[in-house]
Amino acid sequence: MDVCLRCGGAGLCIKKDACLTQINCEQFSLALAGPHRSRIKGPPMRVSFAKLTAATVLALGVASPALAQAAAPVVPAKLSVAEMFLNADWVVKVVMAGLGAASVATWTVFGAKRRELARAAAQYTALRDTLAQARGLETVRGHAELASPLLDAALTELRLSSDALHDTDGVKERIATRFSRIEAETARNLTKGVNLLATIGATAPFVGLFGTVWGIMNAFVGIAEKQTTNLAVVAPGIAEALLATAVGLIAAIPAVVIYNHFSRKVAHVRALLGDVAANVMNLVSRDLSRGAAGNAARLVQVAE
């Protein structure tokens, strides 16, 4: 079947009876040519419906890639960690910034407590070994390298109990009470900052998970606004959300490992402090026994 090339059989021709068989579309020609029109001369043009269909399909085939390219969503040129952070929602940014600060705090505590615990362990080890070889308090009193709160506490109690040295059990009990308070205070000082690591290790994954949930929620809102489920549109938002969980794990895992390491170190230092306390108590007991045998005056003089 033949159709008009200008109006496509829409009946726009003056000679409607000839519209379907030949090009005699005067009205359509006038519309196309405008005020400076010229009539189309020449024999009528005829075209088959099959040829027109083939031409239409070819035109659509050529235009489809351009249309698809124009309708394609804008995909980021690169999706690095920095780009994901910068493109994330402000809530996710705050979460990741907080987790980054927690990670910095973790490594700061690690450096400070590592030096502190190493210094305390070396000091208590040397003091324990020296006191183990001493015969009495008079042999260690006055040595600056042997200065210790435990020695000071023992000498103070002996001075305050100078009129009751005959009650050796009472003196030892009071000295032991002083030692227990010193050990408790030392343990509190040693664990300063270490408890922060426990808090970071326990809460950082959940804080990161909150950022992920918030980011995925925003990603779904974006899907609803753009009305598309194209992975190229959805993937960046989800990747930005998952980055919060990754940052949370980066902050939590080292904190837990370092906390367990320092817990063992603190327990080791406390054990050394207990050994020092036991050695000091042995010196006190030895001197009290000697004083009970008639040398109490010398013991009091050493304590003063």
Protein backbone atom coordinates (compact mmCIF):
# COMPACT_ATOMS: atom_id res chain seq x y z
CA MET A 1 0.00 0.00 0.00
CA ASP A 2 1.35 3.46 -0.94
CA VAL A 3 1.11 6.47 1.37
CA CYS A 4 1.87 10.15 1.05
CA LEU A 5 5.42 11.02 2.06
CA ARG A 6 4.42 14.40 3.49
CA CYS A 7 1.33 13.74 5.55
CA GLY A 8 1.66 9.99 5.99
CA GLY A 9 -1.97 9.49 5.13
CA ALA A 10 -3.20 11.85 7.84
CA GLY A 11 -5.56 13.58 5.40
CA LEU A 12 -3.77 16.92 5.30
CA CYS A 13 -3.74 17.11 1.54
CA ILE A 14 -6.13 19.24 -0.46
CA LYS A 15 -6.87 16.36 -2.74
CA LYS A 16 -7.72 13.84 -0.09
CA ASP A 17 -8.68 11.24 -2.62
CA ALA A 18 -5.15 11.31 -4.01
CA CYS A 19 -3.43 11.47 -0.61
CA LEU A 20 -2.98 7.75 -0.25
CA THR A 21 -1.64 7.16 -3.71
CA GLN A 22 0.58 10.08 -4.69
CA ILE A 23 2.32 13.17 -3.38
CA ASN A 24 -0.04 16.00 -4.15
CA CYS A 25 -0.02 17.43 -0.61
CA GLU A 26 -0.42 21.08 -1.40
CA GLN A 27 -1.58 22.15 2.09
CA PHE A 28 1.33 20.34 3.75
CA SER A 29 3.75 21.84 1.27
CA LEU A 30 2.52 25.31 2.02
CA ALA A 31 2.98 24.71 5.75
CA LEU A 32 6.53 23.53 5.27
CA ALA A 33 7.60 26.20 2.82
CA GLY A 34 6.22 29.14 4.82
CA PRO A 35 5.56 32.54 3.27
CA HIS A 36 8.35 32.13 0.71
CA ARG A 37 6.99 28.91 -0.62
CA SER A 38 7.21 27.46 -4.04
CA ARG A 39 5.05 24.75 -5.32
CA ILE A 40 6.64 21.41 -5.81
CA LYS A 41 6.71 20.55 -9.42
CA GLY A 42 7.30 17.29 -11.10
CA PRO A 43 5.61 13.99 -11.37
CA PRO A 44 3.97 12.52 -8.30
CA MET A 45 6.25 10.47 -6.05
CA ARG A 46 5.14 7.10 -4.92
CA VAL A 47 6.63 4.98 -2.17
CA SER A 48 5.70 1.60 -0.84
CA PHE A 49 4.62 1.04 2.78
CA ALA A 50 7.37 -1.54 3.22
CA LYS A 51 10.03 0.94 2.20
CA LEU A 52 8.62 3.57 4.55
CA THR A 53 8.59 1.09 7.43
CA ALA A 54 12.18 0.08 6.77
CA ALA A 55 13.28 3.73 6.68
CA THR A 56 11.46 4.44 9.96
CA VAL A 57 13.07 1.45 11.70
CA LEU A 58 16.50 2.49 10.43
CA ALA A 59 16.03 6.04 11.69
CA LEU A 60 14.93 4.82 15.08
CA GLY A 61 17.88 2.45 15.23
CA VAL A 62 20.30 5.29 14.59
CA ALA A 63 18.63 7.60 17.10
CA SER A 64 18.21 5.03 19.88
CA PRO A 65 21.86 5.03 21.07
CA ALA A 66 21.85 8.81 21.24
CA LEU A 67 18.57 8.82 23.14
CA ALA A 68 19.81 6.12 25.51
CA GLN A 69 23.01 8.01 26.11
CA ALA A 70 21.07 11.19 26.85
CA ALA A 71 18.76 9.37 29.27
CA ALA A 72 21.57 7.48 31.02
CA PRO A 73 22.18 8.51 34.66
CA VAL A 74 25.24 10.51 35.56
CA VAL A 75 27.80 8.12 37.07
CA PRO A 76 30.78 9.50 39.04
CA ALA A 77 34.02 9.36 37.10
CA LYS A 78 35.76 7.74 40.09
CA LEU A 79 34.49 6.32 43.36
CA SER A 80 37.43 6.63 45.74
CA VAL A 81 37.21 6.72 49.52
CA ALA A 82 37.72 10.49 49.55
CA GLU A 83 35.01 11.01 46.93
CA MET A 84 32.59 8.80 48.84
CA PHE A 85 33.23 10.77 52.04
CA LEU A 86 32.76 14.13 50.33
CA ASN A 87 29.55 13.03 48.60
CA ALA A 88 28.05 11.42 51.71
CA ASP A 89 25.20 12.92 53.74
CA TRP A 90 26.21 15.27 56.54
CA VAL A 91 25.08 12.80 59.21
CA VAL A 92 27.29 10.09 57.71
CA LYS A 93 30.16 12.59 57.56
CA VAL A 94 29.75 13.40 61.27
CA VAL A 95 29.71 9.69 62.13
CA MET A 96 32.86 8.99 60.14
CA ALA A 97 34.62 12.06 61.55
CA GLY A 98 33.80 10.92 65.09
CA LEU A 99 35.08 7.43 64.37
CA GLY A 100 38.25 8.90 62.91
CA ALA A 101 38.78 10.91 66.09
CA ALA A 102 38.24 7.74 68.13
CA SER A 103 40.87 5.96 66.07
CA VAL A 104 43.35 8.80 66.68
CA ALA A 105 42.61 8.60 70.42
CA THR A 106 43.23 4.85 70.35
CA TRP A 107 46.70 5.19 68.88
CA THR A 108 47.51 8.12 71.17
CA VAL A 109 46.65 6.03 74.24
CA PHE A 110 48.68 3.16 72.80
CA GLY A 111 51.82 5.26 72.52
CA ALA A 112 51.47 6.90 75.95
CA LYS A 113 50.50 3.80 77.95
CA ARG A 114 53.12 1.67 76.26
CA ARG A 115 55.91 3.88 77.58
CA GLU A 116 54.27 4.25 81.00
CA LEU A 117 53.76 0.54 81.55
CA ALA A 118 57.24 -0.34 80.30
CA ARG A 119 58.79 2.20 82.69
CA ALA A 120 56.71 0.96 85.64
CA ALA A 121 57.53 -2.68 84.93
CA ALA A 122 61.26 -1.95 84.78
CA GLN A 123 61.12 0.08 88.02
CA TYR A 124 59.19 -2.52 90.00
CA THR A 125 61.34 -5.37 88.70
CA ALA A 126 64.55 -3.67 89.86
CA LEU A 127 62.99 -2.77 93.22
CA ARG A 128 61.72 -6.31 93.76
CA ASP A 129 65.12 -7.84 93.06
CA THR A 130 66.92 -5.38 95.35
CA LEU A 131 64.52 -5.79 98.26
CA ALA A 132 64.72 -9.56 97.96
CA GLN A 133 68.44 -9.37 98.82
CA ALA A 134 68.16 -6.80 101.64
CA ARG A 135 68.48 -7.80 105.29
CA GLY A 136 66.35 -5.00 106.75
CA LEU A 137 64.82 -1.59 106.23
CA GLU A 138 68.00 0.17 107.32
CA THR A 139 69.88 -1.25 104.35
CA VAL A 140 67.48 0.22 101.78
CA ARG A 141 66.50 3.47 103.47
CA GLY A 142 68.04 6.56 101.91
CA HIS A 143 68.66 5.08 98.44
CA ALA A 144 66.99 7.29 95.84
CA GLU A 145 66.81 4.49 93.27
CA LEU A 146 64.78 2.44 95.76
CA ALA A 147 62.20 5.15 96.46
CA SER A 148 58.72 3.65 96.55
CA PRO A 149 55.37 4.56 98.10
CA LEU A 150 55.36 1.13 99.71
CA LEU A 151 58.61 1.76 101.57
CA ASP A 152 57.39 5.20 102.64
CA ALA A 153 54.13 3.72 103.89
CA ALA A 154 55.92 1.04 105.92
CA LEU A 155 58.30 3.50 107.52
CA THR A 156 55.48 5.92 108.29
CA GLU A 157 53.45 3.26 110.05
CA LEU A 158 56.48 2.13 112.06
CA ARG A 159 57.04 5.71 113.17
CA LEU A 160 53.41 6.16 114.17
CA SER A 161 53.42 2.82 116.00
CA SER A 162 56.69 3.40 117.82
CA ASP A 163 55.00 2.91 121.19
CA ALA A 164 53.25 -0.31 120.11
CA LEU A 165 55.97 -2.23 118.32
CA HIS A 166 55.47 -5.10 120.73
CA ASP A 167 52.15 -5.80 118.97
CA THR A 168 53.77 -7.14 115.81
CA ASP A 169 50.55 -8.53 114.38
CA GLY A 170 48.81 -5.19 114.72
CA VAL A 171 51.71 -3.36 113.06
CA LYS A 172 51.76 -5.79 110.16
CA GLU A 173 48.00 -5.51 109.70
CA ARG A 174 48.13 -1.73 109.56
CA ILE A 175 51.00 -1.81 107.07
CA ALA A 176 49.11 -4.32 104.91
CA THR A 177 46.11 -1.98 104.89
CA ARG A 178 48.29 0.86 103.69
CA PHE A 179 49.76 -1.39 100.99
CA SER A 180 46.32 -2.39 99.72
CA ARG A 181 45.32 1.28 99.30
CA ILE A 182 48.54 2.04 97.47
CA GLU A 183 48.06 -0.92 95.14
CA ALA A 184 44.48 0.14 94.40
CA GLU A 185 45.56 3.70 93.61
CA THR A 186 48.38 2.45 91.40
CA ALA A 187 45.98 0.19 89.51
CA ARG A 188 43.64 3.14 88.89
CA ASN A 189 46.51 5.19 87.52
CA LEU A 190 47.69 2.36 85.31
CA THR A 191 44.25 1.81 83.80
CA LYS A 192 43.67 5.48 82.93
CA GLY A 193 43.05 5.62 79.21
CA VAL A 194 42.81 1.85 78.90
CA ASN A 195 39.10 1.92 79.74
CA LEU A 196 38.65 4.38 76.87
CA LEU A 197 39.89 1.68 74.52
CA ALA A 198 37.23 -0.68 75.84
CA THR A 199 34.54 1.93 75.22
CA ILE A 200 35.73 2.57 71.67
CA GLY A 201 35.99 -1.12 70.87
CA ALA A 202 32.48 -1.79 72.16
CA THR A 203 30.65 1.16 70.59
CA ALA A 204 32.48 1.99 67.35
CA PRO A 205 30.88 -0.81 65.27
CA PHE A 206 27.39 0.27 66.31
CA VAL A 207 28.13 3.93 65.59
CA GLY A 208 29.34 2.94 62.14
CA LEU A 209 26.24 0.81 61.67
CA PHE A 210 24.08 3.82 62.49
CA GLY A 211 25.85 5.78 59.74
CA THR A 212 25.27 2.90 57.32
CA VAL A 213 21.57 2.69 58.11
CA TRP A 214 21.20 6.44 57.66
CA GLY A 215 23.09 6.39 54.36
CA ILE A 216 21.08 3.48 52.94
CA MET A 217 17.88 5.24 53.95
CA ASN A 218 18.99 8.30 51.99
CA ALA A 219 19.91 6.06 49.05
CA PHE A 220 16.38 4.67 48.94
CA VAL A 221 14.97 8.17 49.13
CA GLY A 222 17.11 9.04 46.11
CA ILE A 223 15.78 6.01 44.27
CA ALA A 224 12.22 7.16 44.92
CA GLU A 225 13.00 10.68 43.72
CA LYS A 226 14.77 9.59 40.54
CA GLN A 227 12.29 6.76 39.96
CA THR A 228 14.94 4.39 38.80
CA THR A 229 16.55 1.24 40.11
CA ASN A 230 19.58 1.53 37.88
CA LEU A 231 22.58 0.16 39.75
CA ALA A 232 24.71 3.05 38.54
CA VAL A 233 22.39 5.41 40.43
CA VAL A 234 21.98 3.29 43.56
CA ALA A 235 25.56 2.03 44.00
CA PRO A 236 27.30 5.31 45.00
CA GLY A 237 24.85 6.03 47.83
CA ILE A 238 25.08 2.48 49.19
CA ALA A 239 28.88 2.54 48.93
CA GLU A 240 29.00 5.79 50.90
CA ALA A 241 26.78 4.24 53.56
CA LEU A 242 28.89 1.08 53.85
CA LEU A 243 31.99 3.23 54.24
CA ALA A 244 30.70 4.25 57.69
CA THR A 245 30.66 0.61 58.81
CA ALA A 246 34.18 0.12 57.45
CA VAL A 247 35.44 3.15 59.38
CA GLY A 248 33.72 1.84 62.52
CA LEU A 249 35.52 -1.49 62.21
CA ILE A 250 38.83 0.27 61.54
CA ALA A 251 38.36 2.16 64.81
CA ALA A 252 37.05 -0.80 66.84
CA ILE A 253 39.41 -3.65 65.91
CA PRO A 254 42.70 -1.96 66.95
CA ALA A 255 41.02 -0.64 70.11
CA VAL A 256 39.99 -4.14 71.19
CA VAL A 257 43.41 -5.63 70.40
CA ILE A 258 45.29 -2.85 72.20
CA TYR A 259 42.92 -3.04 75.18
CA ASN A 260 43.58 -6.77 75.60
CA HIS A 261 47.33 -6.15 75.30
CA PHE A 262 47.30 -3.44 77.95
CA SER A 263 45.09 -5.53 80.22
CA ARG A 264 47.81 -8.17 80.30
CA LYS A 265 50.50 -5.53 80.83
CA VAL A 266 48.60 -3.91 83.70
CA ALA A 267 48.10 -7.30 85.34
CA HIS A 268 51.84 -7.95 85.00
CA VAL A 269 52.75 -4.59 86.60
CA ARG A 270 50.28 -5.17 89.43
CA ALA A 271 51.86 -8.55 90.07
CA LEU A 272 55.29 -6.92 90.26
CA LEU A 273 53.88 -4.33 92.68
CA GLY A 274 52.50 -7.16 94.79
CA ASP A 275 55.95 -8.76 94.86
CA VAL A 276 57.48 -5.47 96.02
CA ALA A 277 54.86 -5.18 98.77
CA ALA A 278 55.58 -8.72 99.90
CA ASN A 279 59.33 -8.03 100.05
CA VAL A 280 58.78 -4.83 102.06
CA MET A 281 56.54 -6.73 104.45
CA ASN A 282 59.24 -9.35 104.87
CA LEU A 283 61.73 -6.63 105.82
CA VAL A 284 59.29 -5.15 108.33
CA SER A 285 58.60 -8.56 109.83
CA ARG A 286 62.30 -9.32 110.04
CA ASP A 287 63.07 -6.03 111.79
CA LEU A 288 60.13 -6.44 114.15
CA SER A 289 61.40 -9.86 115.14
CA ARG A 290 64.79 -8.42 115.80
CA GLY A 291 63.24 -5.58 117.81
CA ALA A 292 61.22 -8.03 119.84
CA ALA A 293 64.53 -9.68 120.74
CA GLY A 294 65.79 -6.43 122.29
CA ASN A 295 66.62 -4.20 119.28
CA ALA A 296 63.32 -2.23 119.00
CA ALA A 297 65.05 1.09 119.66
CA ARG A 298 67.22 0.73 116.57
CA LEU A 299 64.14 -0.06 114.48
CA VAL A 300 62.36 3.07 115.61
CA GLN A 301 65.46 5.14 114.86
CA VAL A 302 65.59 3.74 111.34
CA ALA A 303 61.90 4.54 110.87
CA GLU A 304 62.44 8.16 111.92
